[in-house]
Protein backbone atom coordinates (compact mmCIF):
# COMPACT_ATOMS: atom_id res chain seq x y z
CA MET A 1 0.00 0.00 0.00
CA ARG A 2 1.42 3.35 -0.99
CA VAL A 3 1.08 5.87 1.83
CA THR A 4 0.82 9.50 0.75
CA SER A 5 -1.54 11.01 3.32
CA THR A 6 -2.85 10.73 6.86
CA ALA A 7 -5.95 9.07 5.40
CA ASP A 8 -3.69 6.35 3.93
CA ILE A 9 -2.06 5.78 7.33
CA GLY A 10 -5.52 5.53 8.86
CA ALA A 11 -6.66 3.02 6.27
CA LEU A 12 -3.51 0.96 6.86
CA VAL A 13 -4.01 0.96 10.64
CA ARG A 14 -7.68 -0.02 10.28
CA SER A 15 -6.91 -2.78 7.79
CA GLU A 16 -4.12 -4.29 9.89
CA ARG A 17 -6.15 -3.99 13.12
CA GLN A 18 -9.04 -5.83 11.50
CA LYS A 19 -6.67 -8.54 10.18
CA GLN A 20 -5.57 -9.08 13.79
CA GLY A 21 -9.23 -9.34 14.83
CA TRP A 22 -8.79 -6.53 17.36
CA SER A 23 -11.28 -3.85 18.33
CA GLN A 24 -10.14 -0.25 18.48
CA ARG A 25 -10.09 -0.63 22.29
CA GLU A 26 -7.83 -3.70 22.09
CA LEU A 27 -5.36 -1.90 19.82
CA ALA A 28 -5.49 1.19 22.04
CA ASP A 29 -4.68 -0.90 25.12
CA ARG A 30 -1.73 -2.55 23.36
CA VAL A 31 -0.32 0.80 22.17
CA GLY A 32 -1.07 2.67 25.40
CA VAL A 33 -3.47 5.23 23.93
CA SER A 34 -7.22 5.83 24.03
CA ALA A 35 -9.74 4.21 21.70
CA VAL A 36 -10.66 7.76 20.64
CA TRP A 37 -7.05 8.25 19.47
CA VAL A 38 -7.21 5.04 17.40
CA SER A 39 -10.49 6.17 15.89
CA GLN A 40 -9.01 9.56 15.00
CA ILE A 41 -6.00 7.94 13.34
CA GLU A 42 -8.20 5.56 11.38
CA ASN A 43 -10.22 8.56 10.19
CA GLY A 44 -7.10 10.39 8.97
CA LYS A 45 -6.76 13.07 11.65
CA ALA A 46 -3.62 14.98 10.76
CA THR A 47 -2.56 16.12 14.24
CA ALA A 48 -1.51 12.78 15.68
CA HIS A 49 1.92 12.43 17.29
CA PHE A 50 4.16 10.63 14.80
CA GLY A 51 5.91 8.62 17.50
CA LEU A 52 2.60 7.10 18.52
CA ILE A 53 1.82 6.26 14.91
CA LEU A 54 5.16 4.45 14.66
CA GLN A 55 4.38 2.58 17.90
CA THR A 56 0.97 1.62 16.52
CA LEU A 57 2.48 0.26 13.30
CA LYS A 58 5.07 -1.65 15.35
CA THR A 59 2.31 -3.13 17.53
CA LEU A 60 0.51 -4.25 14.37
CA GLU A 61 3.82 -5.69 13.06
CA VAL A 62 3.75 -3.44 9.98
CA PRO A 63 7.27 -2.76 8.67
CA LEU A 64 7.96 0.80 7.61
CA TRP A 65 10.84 2.13 5.58
CA ALA A 66 11.56 4.96 3.17
CA GLY A 67 13.02 4.69 -0.30
CA ALA A 68 13.34 1.51 -2.32
CA LEU A 69 12.16 -1.75 -0.84
CA PRO A 70 14.86 -4.02 0.56
CA SER A 71 16.18 -6.29 -2.20
CA ASN A 72 14.61 -9.41 -0.65
CA SER A 73 11.10 -7.90 -0.43
CA SER A 74 8.32 -7.02 -2.80
CA PRO A 75 5.39 -4.67 -2.17
CA SER A 76 3.07 -7.63 -1.60
CA ASP A 77 5.37 -8.96 1.15
CA SER A 78 5.10 -5.86 3.30
CA SER A 79 1.71 -4.24 2.98
CA PRO A 80 -1.97 -4.98 2.82
CA SER A 81 -3.62 -5.22 -0.57
CA ASP A 82 -4.33 -2.01 -2.38
CA SER A 83 -8.05 -2.58 -2.08
CA SER A 84 -9.85 -0.17 0.19
CA PRO A 85 -10.48 -1.49 3.70
CA SER A 86 -14.03 -1.38 4.98
CA ASP A 87 -15.16 1.47 7.18
CA SER A 88 -16.33 -0.72 10.04
CA SER A 89 -14.50 -0.72 13.37
């Protein structure tokens, strides 16, 4: 999944959380934030603290890097499909 906006980060978090079978509350408890914060991230709120976003992605076991993919990886190895995740929580 190509990430170019806060909405893309939100969609990624929602998709990965749903793959784990976690509620927003469960993810919030694992990251150490409120369920409201998770909801705001999933809805693309632009004022979130970047460090907490990184912690959230780490909790969801989503690798993150900039630039070209490592030589032993392909886009399908490291991200959810490019289809839009559902809006349900």
